[in-house]
Amino acid sequence: MFSSQISSFELLQELSNDPDNEELLHDVGKRITNSSSDEELAQAISSVIGGKKSLGKRALKRPVIVNPLTWSNCIGEQQCKASQIRYPDSCQDLVNAVKDGREQGLTVRAVGSGHSFSNVALTDGILLDPKSMKKVIPLDISSLFEPLRGSTLFSVESGITIRELNDELDKRSLALVNMGAYDGQTLAGAISTGTHGTGLKLGPMASNVQSLVLVSETAVIYQIEPSNGITDPVKFASRNPDIVLMQDDDWFQSNVIAMGCMGLIYSYTLDVLPSFFLKESRALDTWESLKPHFLKGSRSPLLTSHRHFEIEINPYAVNGVHSCVKVVRDLDDGPTYGDRGLKNWLSCLLAKFSVVEGSLVDFFNWFPKLIPTAINETLAALVHIDCVGRSHEIMDLGIVHDVKARALELSFDVRNFVSSIDNLLAIFAQAAQDDDWYVSGPVSLRFVKNSPAYLSPQEGRETCMVELNVLVGINNGESLLLAVKEKMCVKGSGVRVHWGLDLNTVSAGEMHDMFSKFDRWLSVYRQLNSSGIFDNAFTNRLDISMAETLS
């Protein structure tokens, strides 16, 4: 190891001249992570990267929109200019939007909170921001086949965020069965794009939907349920003359994950649980030592013995092994105890590299070979002993506002996920060796029960969902993610994508190969979007836009 007497500036200059020197890389990495308040080191970093304009705190926050008709997602890379932007507050507002769209020849689309890294929400027509649609809807238990079941059903408008929904449930001593890792999404945005948590006995959030209310292209309001739905049709019809109850498996399994392509979702009725506590622990391990435990696929004890199980893996080997953090969560009687520490990898990265401050992205672009060490330090900072909290507090991993990351998420059959992960790690290693292309965060593995929804990444199989993270602004970071998708999603591989994290990569030619029930989904879509009023950039990409077909 280099002498501690050498100055930080000299050390960084040496590394600039010899960027492959492992001894220098080790020494720089240790000095940075152990010197969070070292002014001399901070100045040295600023000097060595040449006073470049920092990407760390510039253009990574959600952009300020000057044109009031322009909308963007949370990192600003998906943008559209709408003809109108409206803020519906009721089902009638959705009906009016559809009627106006038809009269004015405009398409209509509802957005969420902008946490999809794809063009699912973009429109040049009437854009609906549903943030005011967050009211709890009294459940009419008298219309249920089993009125007693009403105690664990919850109806709510679709624009509510997961955080707001958790608050409403908590007031009533109720809780979501499962949720994704971030609670800032709208309910409709999360469900419609296939958002999931982790736990092989738990499906995606769509699996907990029992009923949804949708405004169609003709402004007819449908309540859509499976064929064996919760609602008694006779009782419902007498109480709701303005709503058509459609209890049909194809309609339900198509609409529950439809990316806004079939109509405007007004509300959901969800299965919920009495409130509960979870105990979480995070332990450091290596992928090499964990792999043998998964030889039985979905029957592997690590996957079946915990309510929630996930792994965060360093995509790069350091000293011959891929460090990882094993995360388990199980039911607990409470009360709350323990210190969870930092919730997510990005918070840990910023904490460990705080001396770099706003120049983090520039720093990694200048010294990309430090990224494997940085990820190792990040994973070590995630570790904690047992911590107990309310379920939604433990499942939520929060968000970091100072810098932004984008992600690609792939779906693998859990029966052969180990070989898939090994192939993925080999792609990362080759890209780093050949081109100095790096992702800048861990690979996150989450395990999800099969889903009957036709376009769910978990349709028909238990699934290992794999999220690949890169900081916005990392040189060739997105190019690397796109290359990974092309190499992993080959015909016949069975690899699918998460619709909110597909980076606009899925094309029309891949749909039948990825989703065996795509034709059934398409049949319902053609009924509900026959006029093309819900067409947009996403339907164009999949070559299913109806207006183009009709013309």
Protein backbone atom coordinates (compact mmCIF):
# COMPACT_ATOMS: atom_id res chain seq x y z
CA MET A 1 0.00 0.00 0.00
CA PHE A 2 1.23 3.50 -0.75
CA SER A 3 2.62 5.50 2.11
CA SER A 4 0.19 7.59 4.10
CA GLN A 5 2.69 10.44 3.73
CA ILE A 6 1.84 11.05 0.09
CA SER A 7 -0.64 13.88 -0.36
CA SER A 8 -4.13 13.27 -1.71
CA PHE A 9 -3.39 15.44 -4.73
CA GLU A 10 -0.24 13.45 -5.57
CA LEU A 11 -2.08 10.17 -5.03
CA LEU A 12 -4.88 11.15 -7.40
CA GLN A 13 -2.39 12.40 -9.97
CA GLU A 14 -0.62 9.04 -9.80
CA LEU A 15 -3.92 7.25 -10.35
CA SER A 16 -4.76 9.52 -13.29
CA ASN A 17 -1.48 8.50 -14.92
CA ASP A 18 -1.88 4.82 -14.06
CA PRO A 19 -5.65 4.12 -13.81
CA ASP A 20 -5.24 0.30 -13.83
CA ASN A 21 -2.91 0.20 -10.83
CA GLU A 22 -4.77 -1.92 -8.27
CA GLU A 23 -2.62 -0.70 -5.38
CA LEU A 24 -3.42 2.91 -6.20
CA LEU A 25 -7.10 2.12 -6.66
CA HIS A 26 -7.22 0.46 -3.25
CA ASP A 27 -5.42 3.35 -1.54
CA VAL A 28 -7.61 6.04 -3.15
CA GLY A 29 -10.78 4.14 -2.32
CA LYS A 30 -9.82 3.71 1.32
CA ARG A 31 -8.73 7.31 1.69
CA ILE A 32 -12.03 8.61 0.31
CA THR A 33 -14.31 6.35 2.36
CA ASN A 34 -12.36 7.05 5.54
CA SER A 35 -12.15 10.82 5.05
CA SER A 36 -15.69 12.16 4.93
CA SER A 37 -14.65 15.63 6.13
CA ASP A 38 -11.11 15.91 4.69
CA GLU A 39 -10.96 19.35 3.08
CA GLU A 40 -7.54 18.69 1.56
CA LEU A 41 -8.85 15.55 -0.11
CA ALA A 42 -11.95 17.35 -1.39
CA GLN A 43 -9.81 20.08 -2.92
CA ALA A 44 -7.50 17.50 -4.48
CA ILE A 45 -10.44 15.74 -6.10
CA SER A 46 -11.76 19.03 -7.46
CA SER A 47 -8.36 19.92 -8.87
CA VAL A 48 -7.64 16.56 -10.46
CA ILE A 49 -10.94 16.25 -12.28
CA GLY A 50 -10.06 19.53 -13.92
CA GLY A 51 -12.75 21.81 -12.56
CA LYS A 52 -15.31 20.17 -14.79
CA LYS A 53 -18.91 21.19 -14.28
CA SER A 54 -20.42 18.78 -11.85
CA LEU A 55 -23.15 16.42 -12.90
CA GLY A 56 -23.69 15.39 -9.30
CA LYS A 57 -26.14 18.15 -8.42
CA ARG A 58 -26.82 19.59 -11.85
CA ALA A 59 -29.56 18.25 -14.10
CA LEU A 60 -30.09 15.24 -11.86
CA LYS A 61 -32.98 16.71 -9.98
CA ARG A 62 -36.36 16.82 -11.66
CA PRO A 63 -36.08 19.65 -14.21
CA VAL A 64 -38.00 22.87 -13.79
CA ILE A 65 -40.64 22.94 -16.50
CA VAL A 66 -40.99 26.35 -18.13
CA ASN A 67 -43.82 25.39 -20.48
CA PRO A 68 -46.84 24.54 -18.28
CA LEU A 69 -47.98 21.94 -20.83
CA THR A 70 -44.73 19.98 -20.62
CA TRP A 71 -44.44 16.95 -18.36
CA SER A 72 -41.38 14.87 -17.48
CA ASN A 73 -40.54 11.87 -15.36
CA CYS A 74 -38.49 12.16 -12.17
CA ILE A 75 -35.10 12.36 -13.90
CA GLY A 76 -36.23 14.36 -16.91
CA GLU A 77 -35.35 11.86 -19.61
CA GLN A 78 -38.96 11.08 -20.54
CA GLN A 79 -40.75 14.26 -21.59
CA CYS A 80 -43.83 15.23 -23.56
CA LYS A 81 -45.70 18.37 -24.52
CA ALA A 82 -49.42 17.85 -24.04
CA SER A 83 -52.24 19.77 -25.68
CA GLN A 84 -53.87 20.07 -22.25
CA ILE A 85 -52.94 19.13 -18.69
CA ARG A 86 -55.83 18.49 -16.32
CA TYR A 87 -56.05 17.58 -12.65
CA PRO A 88 -59.11 15.33 -12.24
CA ASP A 89 -60.75 15.16 -8.85
CA SER A 90 -63.51 12.63 -9.53
CA CYS A 91 -64.71 9.86 -11.80
CA GLN A 92 -66.84 12.41 -13.63
CA ASP A 93 -63.70 14.41 -14.46
CA LEU A 94 -62.30 11.30 -16.16
CA VAL A 95 -65.55 10.85 -18.08
CA ASN A 96 -65.39 14.48 -19.20
CA ALA A 97 -61.79 14.08 -20.34
CA VAL A 98 -62.71 11.13 -22.54
CA LYS A 99 -65.72 12.95 -24.01
CA ASP A 100 -63.61 16.04 -24.71
CA GLY A 101 -60.86 13.93 -26.26
CA ARG A 102 -63.31 12.31 -28.62
CA GLU A 103 -64.88 15.65 -29.58
CA GLN A 104 -61.54 17.39 -30.08
CA GLY A 105 -59.74 14.47 -31.75
CA LEU A 106 -57.18 14.21 -28.93
CA THR A 107 -55.70 11.18 -27.23
CA VAL A 108 -56.02 10.91 -23.45
CA ARG A 109 -53.47 9.58 -20.94
CA ALA A 110 -53.12 9.56 -17.17
CA VAL A 111 -49.65 9.87 -15.66
CA GLY A 112 -48.42 8.82 -12.23
CA SER A 113 -45.65 10.30 -10.14
CA GLY A 114 -43.08 9.95 -12.94
CA HIS A 115 -41.01 7.04 -11.66
CA SER A 116 -41.12 4.99 -14.84
CA PHE A 117 -38.04 5.03 -17.06
CA SER A 118 -40.07 4.33 -20.19
CA ASN A 119 -42.54 6.12 -22.42
CA VAL A 120 -45.67 4.49 -20.97
CA ALA A 121 -47.15 7.85 -19.87
CA LEU A 122 -46.18 10.18 -22.71
CA THR A 123 -48.89 11.91 -24.75
CA ASP A 124 -49.39 14.91 -26.99
CA GLY A 125 -53.10 14.95 -26.22
CA ILE A 126 -54.93 15.44 -22.91
CA LEU A 127 -52.64 14.56 -20.02
CA LEU A 128 -54.29 13.81 -16.69
CA ASP A 129 -52.37 14.27 -13.45
CA PRO A 130 -54.44 12.37 -10.86
CA LYS A 131 -52.74 13.65 -7.71
CA SER A 132 -56.07 15.00 -6.38
CA MET A 133 -57.78 11.62 -6.77
CA LYS A 134 -56.75 10.14 -3.44
CA LYS A 135 -59.96 9.72 -1.49
CA VAL A 136 -60.86 6.58 0.41
CA ILE A 137 -64.12 5.17 -0.97
CA PRO A 138 -66.62 3.62 1.45
CA LEU A 139 -67.00 -0.05 0.59
CA ASP A 140 -70.55 -1.18 -0.16
CA ILE A 141 -70.39 -4.50 1.69
CA SER A 142 -74.07 -5.16 0.94
CA SER A 143 -73.12 -5.76 -2.72
CA LEU A 144 -70.51 -8.39 -1.87
CA PHE A 145 -71.10 -12.10 -2.15
CA GLU A 146 -69.42 -12.40 1.26
CA PRO A 147 -70.12 -9.25 3.30
CA LEU A 148 -67.89 -10.43 6.13
CA ARG A 149 -64.93 -10.28 3.79
CA GLY A 150 -65.30 -6.51 3.70
CA SER A 151 -63.11 -6.13 6.78
CA THR A 152 -60.01 -6.91 4.69
CA LEU A 153 -61.02 -5.08 1.51
CA PHE A 154 -60.15 -1.44 0.93
CA SER A 155 -61.38 0.85 -1.87
CA VAL A 156 -59.51 3.97 -2.84
CA GLU A 157 -59.04 6.35 -5.77
CA SER A 158 -56.18 5.54 -8.11
CA GLY A 159 -54.15 8.77 -7.77
CA ILE A 160 -53.25 8.20 -4.14
CA THR A 161 -49.55 7.57 -3.52
CA ILE A 162 -48.44 4.41 -1.76
CA ARG A 163 -47.25 6.60 1.13
CA GLU A 164 -50.67 8.24 1.47
CA LEU A 165 -52.37 4.87 1.16
CA ASN A 166 -50.20 3.45 3.94
CA ASP A 167 -51.18 6.37 6.17
CA GLU A 168 -54.88 5.77 5.49
CA LEU A 169 -54.55 2.05 6.16
CA ASP A 170 -52.51 2.66 9.30
CA LYS A 171 -55.30 4.84 10.73
CA ARG A 172 -57.58 1.84 10.40
CA SER A 173 -55.08 -0.73 11.76
CA LEU A 174 -54.71 -2.20 8.26
CA ALA A 175 -51.73 -2.73 5.95
CA LEU A 176 -50.83 -3.61 2.38
CA VAL A 177 -49.99 -7.27 1.84
CA ASN A 178 -46.81 -6.23 0.06
CA MET A 179 -45.41 -3.21 -1.79
CA GLY A 180 -42.48 -2.05 -3.86
CA ALA A 181 -39.38 -0.47 -2.37
CA TYR A 182 -40.53 3.13 -2.89
CA ASP A 183 -43.75 4.67 -1.57
CA GLY A 184 -43.88 7.82 -3.72
CA GLN A 185 -45.55 6.11 -6.69
CA THR A 186 -49.24 6.55 -7.36
CA LEU A 187 -51.27 3.42 -6.78
CA ALA A 188 -52.36 3.21 -10.42
CA GLY A 189 -48.83 3.80 -11.69
CA ALA A 190 -47.41 1.09 -9.44
CA ILE A 191 -50.05 -1.53 -10.19
CA SER A 192 -50.43 -0.83 -13.93
CA THR A 193 -46.71 -1.24 -14.66
CA GLY A 194 -46.24 -4.41 -12.58
CA THR A 195 -44.55 -3.06 -9.46
CA HIS A 196 -43.66 -5.77 -6.96
CA GLY A 197 -41.96 -6.31 -3.64
CA THR A 198 -40.07 -9.43 -2.70
CA GLY A 199 -41.11 -12.77 -1.25
CA LEU A 200 -41.74 -15.97 -3.17
CA LYS A 201 -45.12 -16.40 -1.49
CA LEU A 202 -46.18 -12.87 -2.47
CA GLY A 203 -47.24 -11.75 -5.92
CA PRO A 204 -46.85 -8.29 -7.47
CA MET A 205 -49.12 -5.52 -6.21
CA ALA A 206 -51.58 -6.36 -8.99
CA SER A 207 -52.21 -9.71 -7.29
CA ASN A 208 -53.96 -7.92 -4.45
CA VAL A 209 -56.45 -6.14 -6.72
CA GLN A 210 -59.95 -7.58 -6.41
CA SER A 211 -61.78 -4.98 -8.46
CA LEU A 212 -61.03 -1.86 -10.49
CA VAL A 213 -63.23 0.91 -11.87
CA LEU A 214 -62.29 2.10 -15.35
CA VAL A 215 -63.59 4.83 -17.65
CA SER A 216 -63.61 3.45 -21.18
CA GLU A 217 -63.13 5.10 -24.58
CA THR A 218 -66.91 5.58 -24.89
CA ALA A 219 -67.08 7.18 -21.41
CA VAL A 220 -68.87 4.06 -20.12
CA ILE A 221 -67.78 3.28 -16.57
CA TYR A 222 -66.89 -0.36 -15.93
CA GLN A 223 -66.22 -2.16 -12.67
CA ILE A 224 -63.94 -5.00 -13.75
CA GLU A 225 -63.43 -8.19 -11.74
CA PRO A 226 -62.45 -11.81 -12.34
CA SER A 227 -65.26 -14.16 -13.36
CA ASN A 228 -65.55 -15.29 -9.74
CA GLY A 229 -65.39 -11.71 -8.49
CA ILE A 230 -66.26 -10.39 -5.06
CA THR A 231 -69.42 -8.57 -6.20
CA ASP A 232 -72.97 -9.93 -6.48
CA PRO A 233 -74.15 -8.73 -9.94
CA VAL A 234 -77.81 -8.51 -9.02
CA LYS A 235 -77.25 -6.48 -5.87
CA PHE A 236 -74.66 -4.29 -7.63
CA ALA A 237 -76.92 -3.45 -10.58
CA SER A 238 -79.72 -2.23 -8.36
CA ARG A 239 -77.38 0.12 -6.49
CA ASN A 240 -75.13 1.29 -9.35
CA PRO A 241 -77.19 1.89 -12.50
CA ASP A 242 -74.47 4.05 -14.06
CA ILE A 243 -71.68 1.46 -13.78
CA VAL A 244 -71.39 -1.75 -15.82
CA LEU A 245 -70.10 -4.70 -13.81
CA MET A 246 -67.83 -6.81 -16.05
CA GLN A 247 -66.80 -10.07 -14.38
CA ASP A 248 -64.56 -11.63 -16.98
CA ASP A 249 -61.11 -13.18 -16.53
CA ASP A 250 -59.72 -11.89 -19.83
CA TRP A 251 -60.87 -8.35 -19.13
CA PHE A 252 -59.55 -8.40 -15.57
CA GLN A 253 -56.17 -10.05 -16.22
CA SER A 254 -55.62 -7.71 -19.18
CA ASN A 255 -56.58 -4.49 -17.42
CA VAL A 256 -54.83 -4.97 -14.10
CA ILE A 257 -51.42 -4.53 -15.81
CA ALA A 258 -52.13 -2.51 -18.94
CA MET A 259 -49.88 0.55 -18.74
CA GLY A 260 -52.86 2.87 -19.25
CA CYS A 261 -53.60 1.44 -22.69
CA MET A 262 -57.22 0.41 -22.11
CA GLY A 263 -58.78 3.27 -20.21
CA LEU A 264 -58.59 5.60 -17.23
CA ILE A 265 -58.56 3.81 -13.91
CA TYR A 266 -60.62 5.63 -11.31
CA SER A 267 -60.30 3.32 -8.30
CA TYR A 268 -59.20 -0.03 -6.92
CA THR A 269 -60.52 -2.42 -4.31
CA LEU A 270 -57.59 -4.19 -2.70
CA ASP A 271 -57.05 -7.15 -0.45
CA VAL A 272 -55.37 -5.84 2.71
CA LEU A 273 -54.31 -7.29 6.05
CA PRO A 274 -54.58 -6.31 9.70
CA SER A 275 -51.53 -4.18 10.46
CA PHE A 276 -48.39 -6.15 11.25
CA PHE A 277 -44.72 -5.81 12.15
CA LEU A 278 -41.70 -7.02 10.22
CA LYS A 279 -38.24 -7.85 11.47
CA GLU A 280 -35.44 -7.13 9.02
CA SER A 281 -31.79 -8.14 9.07
CA ARG A 282 -29.06 -7.47 6.52
CA ALA A 283 -25.89 -9.56 6.50
CA LEU A 284 -22.77 -9.36 4.37
CA ASP A 285 -22.00 -12.42 2.24
CA THR A 286 -20.70 -13.33 -1.22
CA TRP A 287 -22.57 -14.50 -4.28
CA GLU A 288 -20.14 -17.40 -4.60
CA SER A 289 -21.03 -18.73 -1.14
CA LEU A 290 -24.79 -18.18 -1.58
CA LYS A 291 -25.16 -19.86 -4.98
CA PRO A 292 -25.11 -23.46 -3.73
CA HIS A 293 -28.14 -22.70 -1.54
CA PHE A 294 -30.29 -22.11 -4.64
CA LEU A 295 -29.79 -25.41 -6.43
CA LYS A 296 -33.40 -26.37 -5.69
CA GLY A 297 -34.74 -23.26 -7.39
CA SER A 298 -38.05 -22.16 -5.92
CA ARG A 299 -37.86 -24.92 -3.30
CA SER A 300 -34.57 -23.61 -1.89
CA PRO A 301 -34.96 -23.08 1.88
CA LEU A 302 -33.57 -19.55 1.80
CA LEU A 303 -36.39 -18.56 -0.55
CA THR A 304 -39.19 -20.46 1.16
CA SER A 305 -38.43 -19.97 4.85
CA HIS A 306 -38.72 -16.15 4.90
CA ARG A 307 -41.64 -13.86 4.10
CA HIS A 308 -39.25 -11.57 2.22
CA PHE A 309 -35.84 -12.43 0.82
CA GLU A 310 -33.59 -10.39 -1.45
CA ILE A 311 -29.94 -10.03 -2.38
CA GLU A 312 -27.88 -6.98 -3.32
CA ILE A 313 -24.82 -8.07 -5.33
CA ASN A 314 -21.74 -6.18 -6.42
CA PRO A 315 -21.74 -6.71 -10.20
CA TYR A 316 -17.92 -6.69 -10.09
CA ALA A 317 -15.61 -9.14 -8.35
CA VAL A 318 -13.17 -7.63 -5.87
CA ASN A 319 -10.37 -9.98 -4.83
CA GLY A 320 -12.08 -12.74 -6.79
CA VAL A 321 -15.53 -12.62 -5.17
CA HIS A 322 -18.76 -10.69 -5.61
CA SER A 323 -19.73 -9.19 -2.28
CA CYS A 324 -23.41 -9.12 -1.52
CA VAL A 325 -25.90 -8.29 1.20
CA LYS A 326 -28.55 -10.83 2.11
CA VAL A 327 -31.79 -9.19 3.27
CA VAL A 328 -34.49 -11.15 5.13
CA ARG A 329 -37.76 -9.91 6.59
CA ASP A 330 -40.19 -11.95 8.65
CA LEU A 331 -43.34 -11.37 10.66
CA ASP A 332 -42.81 -10.17 14.21
CA ASP A 333 -45.06 -9.41 17.17
CA GLY A 334 -43.44 -5.99 17.71
CA PRO A 335 -43.02 -3.46 19.14
CA THR A 336 -40.64 -1.36 17.06
CA TYR A 337 -36.97 -1.60 18.01
CA GLY A 338 -33.49 -1.34 16.52
CA ASP A 339 -31.77 1.12 14.21
CA ARG A 340 -32.22 0.37 10.54
CA GLY A 341 -29.55 2.86 9.52
CA LEU A 342 -29.43 3.95 5.87
CA LYS A 343 -32.30 2.47 3.87
CA ASN A 344 -30.90 2.07 0.36
CA TRP A 345 -27.72 1.67 -1.64
CA LEU A 346 -27.74 5.21 -3.01
CA SER A 347 -27.89 6.76 0.47
CA CYS A 348 -25.00 4.53 1.50
CA LEU A 349 -22.98 5.48 -1.57
CA LEU A 350 -23.40 9.18 -0.85
CA ALA A 351 -22.54 8.67 2.81
CA LYS A 352 -19.36 6.72 2.06
CA PHE A 353 -18.27 9.16 -0.66
CA SER A 354 -19.49 12.35 0.95
CA VAL A 355 -16.10 14.00 0.47
CA VAL A 356 -16.78 13.96 -3.28
CA GLU A 357 -20.07 15.81 -2.72
CA GLY A 358 -21.60 17.15 -5.94
CA SER A 359 -18.83 15.74 -8.11
CA LEU A 360 -19.61 12.06 -7.50
CA VAL A 361 -20.64 11.31 -11.08
CA ASP A 362 -17.70 13.25 -12.50
CA PHE A 363 -15.38 11.46 -10.11
CA PHE A 364 -16.57 8.03 -11.21
CA ASN A 365 -16.32 9.07 -14.85
CA TRP A 366 -12.72 10.11 -14.21
CA PHE A 367 -11.84 6.99 -12.21
CA PRO A 368 -14.32 4.28 -13.34
CA LYS A 369 -12.20 1.47 -11.96
CA LEU A 370 -12.98 2.72 -8.45
CA ILE A 371 -16.63 1.78 -8.91
CA PRO A 372 -16.25 -1.89 -7.81
CA THR A 373 -14.61 -0.76 -4.55
CA ALA A 374 -17.25 1.93 -4.10
CA ILE A 375 -20.03 -0.63 -4.44
CA ASN A 376 -18.32 -2.89 -1.90
CA GLU A 377 -18.19 -0.01 0.57
CA THR A 378 -21.83 0.76 -0.18
CA LEU A 379 -22.90 -2.81 0.54
CA ALA A 380 -20.96 -2.89 3.80
CA ALA A 381 -22.80 0.26 4.90
CA LEU A 382 -26.17 -1.45 4.31
CA VAL A 383 -25.56 -4.13 6.94
CA HIS A 384 -27.48 -4.00 10.20
CA ILE A 385 -28.59 -6.34 12.96
CA ASP A 386 -32.26 -7.09 13.58
CA CYS A 387 -34.62 -4.15 13.29
CA VAL A 388 -38.40 -4.28 13.82
CA GLY A 389 -40.92 -1.81 12.47
CA ARG A 390 -44.40 -1.47 11.02
CA SER A 391 -44.63 -3.37 7.77
CA HIS A 392 -44.75 -0.38 5.41
CA GLU A 393 -41.85 1.32 7.22
CA ILE A 394 -39.65 -1.73 6.73
CA MET A 395 -40.66 -2.39 3.10
CA ASP A 396 -40.07 1.23 2.05
CA LEU A 397 -36.46 1.91 1.05
CA GLY A 398 -36.96 5.63 0.45
CA ILE A 399 -35.48 7.84 -2.23
CA VAL A 400 -32.47 10.13 -2.52
CA HIS A 401 -33.05 13.59 -3.97
CA ASP A 402 -29.48 14.86 -4.37
CA VAL A 403 -28.55 12.54 -7.23
CA LYS A 404 -30.61 10.41 -9.56
CA ALA A 405 -30.28 6.89 -10.83
CA ARG A 406 -32.02 4.99 -13.59
CA ALA A 407 -32.56 1.27 -13.75
CA LEU A 408 -33.33 -1.62 -16.02
CA GLU A 409 -35.20 -4.54 -14.46
CA LEU A 410 -35.25 -8.01 -15.94
CA SER A 411 -37.39 -11.00 -15.03
CA PHE A 412 -35.90 -14.51 -14.87
CA ASP A 413 -37.56 -17.85 -14.22
CA VAL A 414 -36.57 -18.68 -10.66
CA ARG A 415 -35.82 -22.28 -11.66
CA ASN A 416 -32.66 -21.24 -13.50
CA PHE A 417 -31.92 -17.81 -12.08
CA VAL A 418 -28.44 -18.74 -10.80
CA SER A 419 -27.08 -19.37 -14.29
CA SER A 420 -28.81 -16.20 -15.49
CA ILE A 421 -27.08 -14.14 -12.78
CA ASP A 422 -23.72 -15.70 -13.62
CA ASN A 423 -24.24 -14.80 -17.28
CA LEU A 424 -25.17 -11.27 -16.29
CA LEU A 425 -22.07 -10.86 -14.13
CA ALA A 426 -19.93 -12.14 -16.99
CA ILE A 427 -21.39 -9.45 -19.28
CA PHE A 428 -20.53 -6.77 -16.73
CA ALA A 429 -17.00 -8.08 -16.31
CA GLN A 430 -16.41 -8.16 -20.07
CA ALA A 431 -17.76 -4.63 -20.59
CA ALA A 432 -15.52 -3.31 -17.81
CA GLN A 433 -12.46 -5.09 -19.17
CA ASP A 434 -12.98 -4.21 -22.83
CA ASP A 435 -14.49 -0.74 -22.71
CA ASP A 436 -14.33 0.63 -19.14
CA TRP A 437 -18.15 0.55 -19.08
CA TYR A 438 -19.57 0.29 -15.57
CA VAL A 439 -22.89 0.41 -13.80
CA SER A 440 -22.62 2.27 -10.52
CA GLY A 441 -24.87 0.38 -8.15
CA PRO A 442 -25.52 -3.14 -6.95
CA VAL A 443 -27.59 -5.74 -8.76
CA SER A 444 -30.80 -6.25 -6.76
CA LEU A 445 -32.45 -9.67 -6.73
CA ARG A 446 -36.06 -9.94 -5.56
CA PHE A 447 -38.20 -13.07 -5.67
CA VAL A 448 -41.88 -12.91 -6.59
CA LYS A 449 -44.75 -15.37 -6.76
CA ASN A 450 -46.33 -16.15 -10.13
CA SER A 451 -49.12 -13.87 -11.36
CA PRO A 452 -52.16 -14.53 -13.59
CA ALA A 453 -52.03 -11.02 -15.11
CA TYR A 454 -51.34 -11.46 -18.82
CA LEU A 455 -48.54 -8.87 -19.13
CA SER A 456 -47.08 -9.35 -15.68
CA PRO A 457 -43.33 -10.13 -15.65
CA GLN A 458 -44.33 -12.96 -13.29
CA GLU A 459 -47.09 -14.39 -15.49
CA GLY A 460 -47.21 -18.15 -15.16
CA ARG A 461 -44.01 -18.61 -13.18
CA GLU A 462 -42.20 -17.83 -9.96
CA THR A 463 -39.70 -15.16 -10.78
CA CYS A 464 -36.39 -13.64 -9.83
CA MET A 465 -36.59 -9.92 -10.62
CA VAL A 466 -33.18 -8.34 -11.23
CA GLU A 467 -32.74 -4.57 -11.05
CA LEU A 468 -29.61 -3.02 -12.58
CA ASN A 469 -28.76 0.48 -11.37
CA VAL A 470 -26.67 3.28 -12.81
CA LEU A 471 -26.27 6.91 -11.76
CA VAL A 472 -27.54 9.39 -14.33
CA GLY A 473 -24.53 10.92 -16.07
CA ILE A 474 -22.18 7.94 -15.76
CA ASN A 475 -20.34 7.60 -19.07
CA ASN A 476 -21.92 4.84 -21.18
CA GLY A 477 -24.04 3.71 -18.22
CA GLU A 478 -27.26 3.61 -20.19
CA SER A 479 -25.50 2.08 -23.18
CA LEU A 480 -24.33 -0.73 -20.92
CA LEU A 481 -27.86 -1.35 -19.66
CA LEU A 482 -29.16 -1.45 -23.24
CA ALA A 483 -26.41 -3.90 -24.21
CA VAL A 484 -27.31 -6.12 -21.26
CA LYS A 485 -30.94 -6.17 -22.32
CA GLU A 486 -30.04 -7.16 -25.87
CA LYS A 487 -27.73 -9.96 -24.71
CA MET A 488 -30.06 -11.36 -22.06
CA CYS A 489 -33.45 -11.00 -23.81
CA VAL A 490 -32.76 -13.28 -26.75
CA LYS A 491 -35.57 -15.25 -28.36
CA GLY A 492 -36.53 -18.30 -26.33
CA SER A 493 -34.66 -17.13 -23.21
CA GLY A 494 -37.84 -16.47 -21.23
CA VAL A 495 -36.37 -13.20 -19.98
CA ARG A 496 -38.93 -10.41 -19.58
CA VAL A 497 -38.89 -6.80 -18.39
CA HIS A 498 -40.54 -4.64 -15.75
CA TRP A 499 -42.71 -2.20 -17.71
CA GLY A 500 -41.71 0.83 -15.68
CA LEU A 501 -38.01 -0.02 -16.01
CA ASP A 502 -37.62 -1.21 -19.58
CA LEU A 503 -35.82 1.93 -20.88
CA ASN A 504 -37.99 1.79 -24.03
CA THR A 505 -36.23 -1.37 -25.16
CA VAL A 506 -39.10 -3.83 -25.68
CA SER A 507 -40.29 -3.92 -29.28
CA ALA A 508 -43.31 -5.33 -31.07
CA GLY A 509 -41.38 -8.36 -32.27
CA GLU A 510 -40.60 -9.48 -28.73
CA MET A 511 -44.07 -9.47 -27.21
CA HIS A 512 -45.25 -12.94 -28.25
CA ASP A 513 -41.96 -14.50 -27.21
CA MET A 514 -42.00 -12.80 -23.79
CA PHE A 515 -45.69 -13.15 -22.98
CA SER A 516 -47.56 -16.30 -23.93
CA LYS A 517 -50.95 -14.63 -23.37
CA PHE A 518 -50.22 -11.47 -25.31
CA ASP A 519 -52.89 -12.32 -27.91
CA ARG A 520 -55.54 -12.51 -25.18
CA TRP A 521 -54.39 -9.15 -23.80
CA LEU A 522 -54.40 -7.71 -27.31
CA SER A 523 -57.95 -8.90 -27.94
CA VAL A 524 -59.26 -7.01 -24.90
CA TYR A 525 -57.13 -3.99 -25.79
CA ARG A 526 -58.66 -3.81 -29.25
CA GLN A 527 -62.13 -3.79 -27.71
CA LEU A 528 -61.35 -1.04 -25.22
CA ASN A 529 -59.15 1.16 -27.41
CA SER A 530 -60.87 0.62 -30.76
CA SER A 531 -60.84 4.36 -31.49
CA GLY A 532 -57.18 4.85 -30.58
CA ILE A 533 -58.00 7.45 -27.92
CA PHE A 534 -55.49 5.85 -25.53
CA ASP A 535 -52.71 5.57 -28.13
CA ASN A 536 -49.35 7.09 -27.26
CA ALA A 537 -45.61 6.64 -27.74
CA PHE A 538 -45.73 3.32 -25.87
CA THR A 539 -48.43 1.81 -28.09
CA ASN A 540 -46.54 3.13 -31.12
CA ARG A 541 -43.41 1.34 -29.92
CA LEU A 542 -45.30 -1.94 -29.59
CA ASP A 543 -46.98 -1.34 -32.97
CA ILE A 544 -50.47 -1.65 -31.49
CA SER A 545 -51.77 1.92 -31.87
CA MET A 546 -55.34 1.66 -33.07
CA ALA A 547 -55.61 5.04 -34.78
CA GLU A 548 -52.83 4.01 -37.15
CA THR A 549 -54.54 0.67 -37.73
CA LEU A 550 -57.85 2.34 -38.52
CA SER A 551 -56.25 4.81 -40.90
